[in-house]
Structures are given as C-alpha cells and as structure tokens.
Amino acid sequence: MTPVKFGHLTGDQVLRLVAVSVKQNVKGKDAVARYGGEEFVVALPNTALQSAITVADHIRRAVMTKELMKRSTGERLGRVTISIGAANLRPSDTAQSLIERADMCLYAAKRNSRNRVICETDPEAAPLAGKPGRVIRRLLPRRIAASRLLA
C-alpha cells in the first residue's frame, strides 16, 4: 500500500495498526519507537535471538489478523502484512552497524516472499549467514509501514 494508491489517511491508519500490534506484543524493558516515516524499531534487551524471533512472529501474526478498511468509503482494502529483519547486538556494534545488519535481514525477508521474519543466522540473509545474531529490527508491513525490532 502506498499513499499514492490509497491516500495518506489510510497510510496513517496502517501505521496505527502496526503500532498497536507491536505495543501489544512487547513488555517490561522492551522499547518501541517510530524510526523514519514508515518504520518502527523495537529494542528487546536481554532477549535471546530465538525469543526475539518469537516476539517478531507474534507481531507479524497480530498485524496480519487485521482487516484494513478505508474509513471514508467502507471499502475493504485487505490485510496488512509485514516483513521483519532480526540481528544480534555484538560487543563491537554501534547503533548504525546493528541497524544495518537488521536492514539486510529485512530486505532478505522482502526478497523471499515477504510477510516473514528473517534473522542474520538464516541462510536467506547471506552474506550474514553463519554470523551470530540477536536483534529484531525493521518490520515492513507489505502495504505501507516499516518497522524494526531490536533484540
């Protein structure tokens, strides 16, 4: 979904839908922030990679259950899906290097049929395959919004 096709109000509705789904699936010391126009970052401190992937998949499924409707006309626009990239915080990381690795995973998720979670240990995330991982970053709803999860 793009603002050109469905309008900015619908795009804002998608962002709110994603934000609610993210908020409902994080807890404790986890932090959520909007990152750029259509993106979110979720930091999951002290969370193992596998647990972070589970959180990401819960968010992905929560977003996917929502039916998007154009408020002005009642027209059904379909379901929103998201792609998520996950990367591990390493001792030598800067915020930028961590986000770059998570972005690479996000783009791998988008290349590999979208609506999925890819972490840096997944073969699809090459050239990152085989390197340790643990941040979930960037959720990209297929229709408009993007987000990041950092574990």
N, C-alpha and C. Protein backbone atom coordinates (compact mmCIF):
# COMPACT_ATOMS: atom_id res chain seq x y z
N MET A 1 0.84 -1.16 0.00
CA MET A 1 0.00 0.00 0.00
C MET A 1 0.89 1.23 0.00
N THR A 2 0.56 2.16 -0.78
CA THR A 2 1.30 3.41 -0.79
C THR A 2 0.32 4.55 -0.65
N PRO A 3 0.78 5.70 -0.14
CA PRO A 3 -0.11 6.85 -0.04
C PRO A 3 -0.68 7.25 -1.40
N VAL A 4 0.07 7.05 -2.47
CA VAL A 4 -0.40 7.41 -3.81
C VAL A 4 -1.64 6.58 -4.16
N LYS A 5 -1.62 5.30 -3.85
CA LYS A 5 -2.72 4.40 -4.21
C LYS A 5 -3.92 4.55 -3.28
N PHE A 6 -3.69 4.62 -1.96
CA PHE A 6 -4.79 4.61 -1.00
C PHE A 6 -4.93 5.91 -0.21
N GLY A 7 -3.99 6.80 -0.31
CA GLY A 7 -4.07 8.07 0.40
C GLY A 7 -3.34 8.07 1.73
N HIS A 8 -2.99 9.25 2.17
CA HIS A 8 -2.22 9.40 3.40
C HIS A 8 -3.01 9.00 4.64
N LEU A 9 -4.32 9.23 4.65
CA LEU A 9 -5.11 8.86 5.82
C LEU A 9 -5.12 7.35 6.01
N THR A 10 -5.20 6.61 4.92
CA THR A 10 -5.14 5.15 5.02
C THR A 10 -3.75 4.71 5.45
N GLY A 11 -2.73 5.38 4.93
CA GLY A 11 -1.36 5.08 5.37
C GLY A 11 -1.19 5.30 6.85
N ASP A 12 -1.76 6.38 7.37
CA ASP A 12 -1.71 6.64 8.81
C ASP A 12 -2.45 5.56 9.59
N GLN A 13 -3.56 5.08 9.05
CA GLN A 13 -4.31 4.00 9.70
C GLN A 13 -3.46 2.74 9.80
N VAL A 14 -2.69 2.45 8.75
CA VAL A 14 -1.82 1.27 8.77
C VAL A 14 -0.74 1.44 9.83
N LEU A 15 -0.15 2.62 9.90
CA LEU A 15 0.88 2.87 10.92
C LEU A 15 0.32 2.67 12.32
N ARG A 16 -0.90 3.14 12.57
CA ARG A 16 -1.52 2.96 13.89
C ARG A 16 -1.77 1.48 14.16
N LEU A 17 -2.24 0.75 13.16
CA LEU A 17 -2.49 -0.68 13.30
C LEU A 17 -1.21 -1.42 13.68
N VAL A 18 -0.14 -1.10 13.00
CA VAL A 18 1.15 -1.75 13.30
C VAL A 18 1.62 -1.35 14.70
N ALA A 19 1.51 -0.09 15.04
CA ALA A 19 1.95 0.37 16.36
C ALA A 19 1.20 -0.34 17.48
N VAL A 20 -0.10 -0.51 17.33
CA VAL A 20 -0.90 -1.20 18.35
C VAL A 20 -0.46 -2.66 18.45
N SER A 21 -0.25 -3.31 17.31
CA SER A 21 0.18 -4.71 17.31
C SER A 21 1.54 -4.88 17.97
N VAL A 22 2.45 -3.96 17.71
CA VAL A 22 3.77 -4.01 18.33
C VAL A 22 3.64 -3.82 19.83
N LYS A 23 2.91 -2.78 20.22
CA LYS A 23 2.76 -2.46 21.65
C LYS A 23 2.16 -3.62 22.43
N GLN A 24 1.22 -4.33 21.83
CA GLN A 24 0.57 -5.46 22.50
C GLN A 24 1.50 -6.66 22.66
N ASN A 25 2.61 -6.69 21.95
CA ASN A 25 3.48 -7.86 21.97
C ASN A 25 4.84 -7.62 22.59
N VAL A 26 5.06 -6.45 23.17
CA VAL A 26 6.32 -6.18 23.88
C VAL A 26 5.99 -5.87 25.33
N LYS A 27 6.98 -6.05 26.21
CA LYS A 27 6.72 -5.85 27.63
C LYS A 27 7.98 -5.45 28.37
N GLY A 28 7.82 -5.16 29.64
CA GLY A 28 8.96 -4.90 30.50
C GLY A 28 9.88 -3.80 30.00
N LYS A 29 11.16 -4.14 29.86
CA LYS A 29 12.17 -3.16 29.45
C LYS A 29 12.27 -3.00 27.94
N ASP A 30 11.42 -3.71 27.18
CA ASP A 30 11.41 -3.56 25.73
C ASP A 30 11.02 -2.13 25.38
N ALA A 31 11.59 -1.61 24.32
CA ALA A 31 11.31 -0.24 23.91
C ALA A 31 10.86 -0.22 22.45
N VAL A 32 9.87 0.62 22.17
CA VAL A 32 9.33 0.77 20.82
C VAL A 32 9.44 2.23 20.44
N ALA A 33 9.88 2.48 19.19
CA ALA A 33 9.96 3.85 18.70
C ALA A 33 9.70 3.88 17.20
N ARG A 34 9.11 4.96 16.75
CA ARG A 34 8.95 5.14 15.31
C ARG A 34 10.30 5.58 14.78
N TYR A 35 10.69 5.01 13.66
CA TYR A 35 12.02 5.24 13.10
C TYR A 35 11.82 5.59 11.63
N GLY A 36 11.84 6.87 11.32
CA GLY A 36 11.58 7.27 9.95
C GLY A 36 10.09 7.32 9.70
N GLY A 37 9.71 7.67 8.51
CA GLY A 37 8.31 7.87 8.17
C GLY A 37 7.46 6.63 8.28
N GLU A 38 7.95 5.49 7.86
CA GLU A 38 7.13 4.28 7.82
C GLU A 38 7.77 3.12 8.58
N GLU A 39 8.62 3.41 9.51
CA GLU A 39 9.36 2.35 10.19
C GLU A 39 9.22 2.46 11.69
N PHE A 40 9.41 1.31 12.34
CA PHE A 40 9.46 1.23 13.79
C PHE A 40 10.70 0.45 14.18
N VAL A 41 11.20 0.74 15.37
CA VAL A 41 12.28 -0.05 15.97
C VAL A 41 11.76 -0.57 17.30
N VAL A 42 12.03 -1.84 17.55
CA VAL A 42 11.70 -2.42 18.85
C VAL A 42 13.00 -2.99 19.42
N ALA A 43 13.41 -2.49 20.56
CA ALA A 43 14.61 -2.99 21.23
C ALA A 43 14.17 -3.97 22.31
N LEU A 44 14.78 -5.16 22.28
CA LEU A 44 14.44 -6.21 23.25
C LEU A 44 15.70 -6.57 24.03
N PRO A 45 16.06 -5.76 25.03
CA PRO A 45 17.29 -6.03 25.79
C PRO A 45 17.20 -7.34 26.55
N ASN A 46 18.33 -7.97 26.72
CA ASN A 46 18.42 -9.23 27.47
C ASN A 46 17.48 -10.30 26.93
N THR A 47 17.32 -10.32 25.61
CA THR A 47 16.45 -11.30 24.95
C THR A 47 17.28 -12.12 23.99
N ALA A 48 17.21 -13.43 24.12
CA ALA A 48 17.93 -14.32 23.21
C ALA A 48 17.34 -14.21 21.81
N LEU A 49 18.15 -14.50 20.81
CA LEU A 49 17.71 -14.39 19.42
C LEU A 49 16.43 -15.18 19.17
N GLN A 50 16.38 -16.42 19.62
CA GLN A 50 15.19 -17.24 19.34
C GLN A 50 13.94 -16.64 19.97
N SER A 51 14.07 -16.08 21.17
CA SER A 51 12.93 -15.43 21.81
C SER A 51 12.53 -14.16 21.07
N ALA A 52 13.50 -13.42 20.58
CA ALA A 52 13.21 -12.22 19.81
C ALA A 52 12.48 -12.57 18.51
N ILE A 53 12.88 -13.66 17.89
CA ILE A 53 12.22 -14.11 16.66
C ILE A 53 10.77 -14.50 16.97
N THR A 54 10.56 -15.11 18.11
CA THR A 54 9.20 -15.47 18.52
C THR A 54 8.34 -14.22 18.70
N VAL A 55 8.89 -13.20 19.35
CA VAL A 55 8.17 -11.93 19.52
C VAL A 55 7.86 -11.34 18.14
N ALA A 56 8.84 -11.34 17.26
CA ALA A 56 8.63 -10.78 15.92
C ALA A 56 7.51 -11.53 15.19
N ASP A 57 7.50 -12.84 15.32
CA ASP A 57 6.47 -13.60 14.63
C ASP A 57 5.09 -13.35 15.24
N HIS A 58 5.02 -13.14 16.55
CA HIS A 58 3.74 -12.79 17.18
C HIS A 58 3.25 -11.45 16.65
N ILE A 59 4.15 -10.49 16.50
CA ILE A 59 3.77 -9.19 15.95
C ILE A 59 3.29 -9.35 14.51
N ARG A 60 4.04 -10.13 13.72
CA ARG A 60 3.67 -10.36 12.31
C ARG A 60 2.28 -10.95 12.22
N ARG A 61 2.00 -11.94 13.04
CA ARG A 61 0.69 -12.59 13.01
C ARG A 61 -0.42 -11.64 13.49
N ALA A 62 -0.13 -10.83 14.51
CA ALA A 62 -1.13 -9.88 15.02
C ALA A 62 -1.50 -8.86 13.95
N VAL A 63 -0.51 -8.36 13.24
CA VAL A 63 -0.78 -7.39 12.17
C VAL A 63 -1.63 -8.05 11.08
N MET A 64 -1.29 -9.26 10.73
CA MET A 64 -1.94 -9.96 9.63
C MET A 64 -3.42 -10.27 9.92
N THR A 65 -3.81 -10.32 11.18
CA THR A 65 -5.20 -10.65 11.51
C THR A 65 -6.14 -9.46 11.28
N LYS A 66 -5.60 -8.29 11.13
CA LYS A 66 -6.43 -7.09 10.99
C LYS A 66 -6.85 -6.87 9.54
N GLU A 67 -8.13 -6.56 9.35
CA GLU A 67 -8.65 -6.22 8.03
C GLU A 67 -8.63 -4.70 7.91
N LEU A 68 -8.00 -4.20 6.88
CA LEU A 68 -7.90 -2.76 6.67
C LEU A 68 -9.10 -2.29 5.85
N MET A 69 -9.75 -1.22 6.35
CA MET A 69 -10.89 -0.65 5.63
C MET A 69 -10.66 0.84 5.45
N LYS A 70 -11.05 1.33 4.29
CA LYS A 70 -10.97 2.76 4.03
C LYS A 70 -12.13 3.43 4.76
N ARG A 71 -11.81 4.27 5.72
CA ARG A 71 -12.84 4.86 6.58
C ARG A 71 -13.85 5.70 5.81
N SER A 72 -13.39 6.41 4.82
CA SER A 72 -14.28 7.33 4.10
C SER A 72 -15.32 6.60 3.26
N THR A 73 -15.02 5.39 2.80
CA THR A 73 -15.94 4.66 1.91
C THR A 73 -16.40 3.32 2.46
N GLY A 74 -15.72 2.81 3.48
CA GLY A 74 -16.03 1.48 3.99
C GLY A 74 -15.47 0.37 3.11
N GLU A 75 -14.71 0.74 2.08
CA GLU A 75 -14.13 -0.23 1.16
C GLU A 75 -13.10 -1.09 1.89
N ARG A 76 -13.18 -2.41 1.67
CA ARG A 76 -12.20 -3.33 2.25
C ARG A 76 -10.94 -3.29 1.39
N LEU A 77 -9.82 -3.02 2.04
CA LEU A 77 -8.55 -2.90 1.33
C LEU A 77 -7.68 -4.13 1.49
N GLY A 78 -8.11 -5.07 2.32
CA GLY A 78 -7.35 -6.30 2.52
C GLY A 78 -6.60 -6.29 3.83
N ARG A 79 -5.70 -7.22 3.95
CA ARG A 79 -4.91 -7.39 5.16
C ARG A 79 -3.53 -6.77 4.98
N VAL A 80 -2.97 -6.32 6.09
CA VAL A 80 -1.63 -5.77 6.10
C VAL A 80 -0.68 -6.89 6.49
N THR A 81 0.42 -7.02 5.81
CA THR A 81 1.45 -7.98 6.20
C THR A 81 2.75 -7.23 6.42
N ILE A 82 3.65 -7.84 7.19
CA ILE A 82 4.93 -7.19 7.47
C ILE A 82 6.07 -8.17 7.28
N SER A 83 7.19 -7.62 6.93
CA SER A 83 8.45 -8.37 6.87
C SER A 83 9.33 -7.84 7.98
N ILE A 84 10.09 -8.74 8.62
CA ILE A 84 10.89 -8.35 9.78
C ILE A 84 12.31 -8.87 9.62
N GLY A 85 13.28 -8.03 9.92
CA GLY A 85 14.68 -8.42 9.94
C GLY A 85 15.18 -8.44 11.37
N ALA A 86 15.99 -9.45 11.71
CA ALA A 86 16.50 -9.60 13.08
C ALA A 86 18.01 -9.73 13.07
N ALA A 87 18.67 -9.02 13.97
CA ALA A 87 20.13 -9.08 14.08
C ALA A 87 20.52 -9.01 15.55
N ASN A 88 21.68 -9.55 15.87
CA ASN A 88 22.17 -9.62 17.24
C ASN A 88 23.06 -8.43 17.59
N LEU A 89 22.88 -7.91 18.77
CA LEU A 89 23.78 -6.88 19.27
C LEU A 89 25.09 -7.54 19.67
N ARG A 90 26.17 -7.06 19.08
CA ARG A 90 27.51 -7.60 19.36
C ARG A 90 28.30 -6.57 20.17
N PRO A 91 29.29 -7.02 20.92
CA PRO A 91 30.05 -6.08 21.75
C PRO A 91 30.67 -4.92 20.95
N SER A 92 31.05 -5.16 19.72
CA SER A 92 31.70 -4.12 18.92
C SER A 92 30.71 -3.26 18.14
N ASP A 93 29.41 -3.52 18.27
CA ASP A 93 28.40 -2.80 17.48
C ASP A 93 28.27 -1.35 17.87
N THR A 94 27.98 -0.57 16.86
CA THR A 94 27.44 0.77 17.05
C THR A 94 25.96 0.64 16.72
N ALA A 95 25.19 1.66 17.06
CA ALA A 95 23.76 1.63 16.69
C ALA A 95 23.63 1.46 15.18
N GLN A 96 24.47 2.16 14.43
CA GLN A 96 24.39 2.10 12.97
C GLN A 96 24.71 0.71 12.43
N SER A 97 25.74 0.05 12.95
CA SER A 97 26.11 -1.27 12.43
C SER A 97 25.03 -2.30 12.75
N LEU A 98 24.42 -2.19 13.92
CA LEU A 98 23.34 -3.09 14.29
C LEU A 98 22.14 -2.90 13.36
N ILE A 99 21.76 -1.68 13.15
CA ILE A 99 20.63 -1.37 12.28
C ILE A 99 20.91 -1.80 10.84
N GLU A 100 22.13 -1.62 10.37
CA GLU A 100 22.47 -2.05 9.01
C GLU A 100 22.31 -3.55 8.84
N ARG A 101 22.74 -4.33 9.82
CA ARG A 101 22.58 -5.79 9.72
C ARG A 101 21.12 -6.19 9.76
N ALA A 102 20.36 -5.54 10.62
CA ALA A 102 18.93 -5.85 10.68
C ALA A 102 18.25 -5.46 9.37
N ASP A 103 18.67 -4.36 8.79
CA ASP A 103 18.13 -3.95 7.48
C ASP A 103 18.41 -5.00 6.41
N MET A 104 19.61 -5.54 6.42
CA MET A 104 19.95 -6.57 5.43
C MET A 104 19.00 -7.77 5.59
N CYS A 105 18.69 -8.11 6.81
CA CYS A 105 17.76 -9.21 7.06
C CYS A 105 16.35 -8.84 6.60
N LEU A 106 15.95 -7.61 6.86
CA LEU A 106 14.64 -7.16 6.40
C LEU A 106 14.53 -7.28 4.88
N TYR A 107 15.54 -6.79 4.19
CA TYR A 107 15.50 -6.84 2.73
C TYR A 107 15.50 -8.27 2.22
N ALA A 108 16.17 -9.17 2.94
CA ALA A 108 16.14 -10.59 2.59
C ALA A 108 14.72 -11.13 2.77
N ALA A 109 14.04 -10.71 3.83
CA ALA A 109 12.65 -11.15 4.06
C ALA A 109 11.75 -10.65 2.93
N LYS A 110 11.97 -9.42 2.51
CA LYS A 110 11.17 -8.87 1.42
C LYS A 110 11.46 -9.60 0.10
N ARG A 111 12.73 -9.94 -0.13
CA ARG A 111 13.10 -10.66 -1.36
C ARG A 111 12.54 -12.07 -1.38
N ASN A 112 12.38 -12.66 -0.21
CA ASN A 112 11.96 -14.06 -0.09
C ASN A 112 10.48 -14.17 0.25
N SER A 113 9.66 -13.54 -0.50
CA SER A 113 8.19 -13.63 -0.47
C SER A 113 7.50 -12.79 0.58
N ARG A 114 8.18 -11.96 1.28
CA ARG A 114 7.57 -11.05 2.25
C ARG A 114 6.81 -11.77 3.34
N ASN A 115 6.19 -10.97 4.23
CA ASN A 115 5.38 -11.50 5.33
C ASN A 115 6.11 -12.60 6.09
N ARG A 116 7.33 -12.32 6.49
CA ARG A 116 8.11 -13.32 7.23
C ARG A 116 9.17 -12.65 8.09
N VAL A 117 9.76 -13.43 8.96
CA VAL A 117 10.85 -12.97 9.83
C VAL A 117 12.12 -13.66 9.35
N ILE A 118 13.17 -12.87 9.12
CA ILE A 118 14.49 -13.41 8.75
C ILE A 118 15.50 -12.85 9.74
N CYS A 119 16.33 -13.72 10.30
CA CYS A 119 17.40 -13.26 11.19
C CYS A 119 18.74 -13.49 10.50
N GLU A 120 19.78 -12.91 11.06
CA GLU A 120 21.08 -12.97 10.40
C GLU A 120 21.70 -14.35 10.39
N THR A 121 21.12 -15.31 11.11
CA THR A 121 21.63 -16.68 11.04
C THR A 121 20.91 -17.51 9.98
N ASP A 122 19.87 -16.95 9.37
CA ASP A 122 19.14 -17.67 8.32
C ASP A 122 19.94 -17.66 7.02
N PRO A 123 19.93 -18.76 6.28
CA PRO A 123 20.66 -18.81 5.00
C PRO A 123 20.23 -17.72 4.02
N GLU A 124 18.95 -17.34 4.07
CA GLU A 124 18.45 -16.30 3.15
C GLU A 124 19.08 -14.94 3.43
N ALA A 125 19.66 -14.77 4.60
CA ALA A 125 20.23 -13.48 4.98
C ALA A 125 21.65 -13.30 4.48
N ALA A 126 22.16 -14.26 3.70
CA ALA A 126 23.53 -14.16 3.18
C ALA A 126 23.75 -12.77 2.62
N PRO A 127 24.87 -12.16 2.86
CA PRO A 127 26.12 -12.74 3.31
C PRO A 127 26.26 -12.84 4.82
N LEU A 128 25.18 -12.64 5.56
CA LEU A 128 25.26 -12.67 7.02
C LEU A 128 25.17 -14.08 7.58
N ALA A 129 24.79 -15.05 6.78
CA ALA A 129 24.59 -16.41 7.28
C ALA A 129 25.81 -16.90 8.04
N GLY A 130 25.58 -17.55 9.14
CA GLY A 130 26.65 -18.12 9.93
C GLY A 130 27.19 -17.19 10.99
N LYS A 131 26.85 -15.92 10.96
CA LYS A 131 27.31 -14.99 11.98
C LYS A 131 26.28 -14.96 13.10
N PRO A 132 26.72 -14.76 14.34
CA PRO A 132 25.78 -14.75 15.45
C PRO A 132 24.75 -13.64 15.29
N GLY A 133 23.55 -13.82 15.86
CA GLY A 133 22.54 -12.81 15.71
C GLY A 133 21.61 -12.68 16.90
N ARG A 134 21.05 -11.49 17.10
CA ARG A 134 20.04 -11.33 18.14
C ARG A 134 19.23 -10.04 18.15
N VAL A 135 19.17 -9.21 17.23
CA VAL A 135 18.29 -8.05 17.23
C VAL A 135 17.21 -8.26 16.23
N ILE A 136 16.03 -7.98 16.57
CA ILE A 136 15.00 -7.98 15.55
C ILE A 136 14.85 -6.54 15.19
N ARG A 137 14.85 -6.29 14.00
CA ARG A 137 14.76 -4.91 13.60
C ARG A 137 13.88 -4.79 12.39
N ARG A 138 13.37 -3.78 12.13
CA ARG A 138 12.57 -3.42 10.98
C ARG A 138 11.47 -4.37 10.62
N LEU A 139 10.31 -3.96 10.87
CA LEU A 139 9.11 -4.64 10.42
C LEU A 139 8.62 -3.82 9.24
N LEU A 140 8.43 -4.42 8.13
CA LEU A 140 7.92 -3.68 6.98
C LEU A 140 6.57 -4.22 6.60
N PRO A 141 5.51 -3.59 6.99
CA PRO A 141 4.23 -4.06 6.52
C PRO A 141 4.21 -3.99 5.01
N ARG A 142 3.74 -5.00 4.42
CA ARG A 142 3.76 -5.12 2.98
C ARG A 142 3.02 -3.97 2.32
N ARG A 143 2.01 -3.46 2.97
CA ARG A 143 1.22 -2.44 2.33
C ARG A 143 1.75 -1.03 2.53
N ILE A 144 2.32 -0.73 3.70
CA ILE A 144 2.84 0.64 3.83
C ILE A 144 3.91 0.81 4.88
N ALA A 145 3.67 0.43 6.09
CA ALA A 145 4.54 0.83 7.17
C ALA A 145 5.75 -0.08 7.29
N ALA A 146 6.81 0.45 7.79
CA ALA A 146 8.02 -0.34 8.03
C ALA A 146 8.32 -0.26 9.51
N SER A 147 8.95 -1.26 10.03
CA SER A 147 9.32 -1.25 11.44
C SER A 147 10.60 -2.00 11.67
N ARG A 148 11.19 -1.79 12.82
CA ARG A 148 12.40 -2.51 13.19
C ARG A 148 12.22 -3.05 14.59
N LEU A 149 12.70 -4.25 14.79
CA LEU A 149 12.75 -4.83 16.12
C LEU A 149 14.20 -5.05 16.48
N LEU A 150 14.62 -4.60 17.61
CA LEU A 150 15.99 -4.79 18.08
C LEU A 150 15.94 -5.63 19.34
N ALA A 151 16.56 -6.79 19.31
CA ALA A 151 16.54 -7.64 20.49
C ALA A 151 17.80 -7.47 21.28
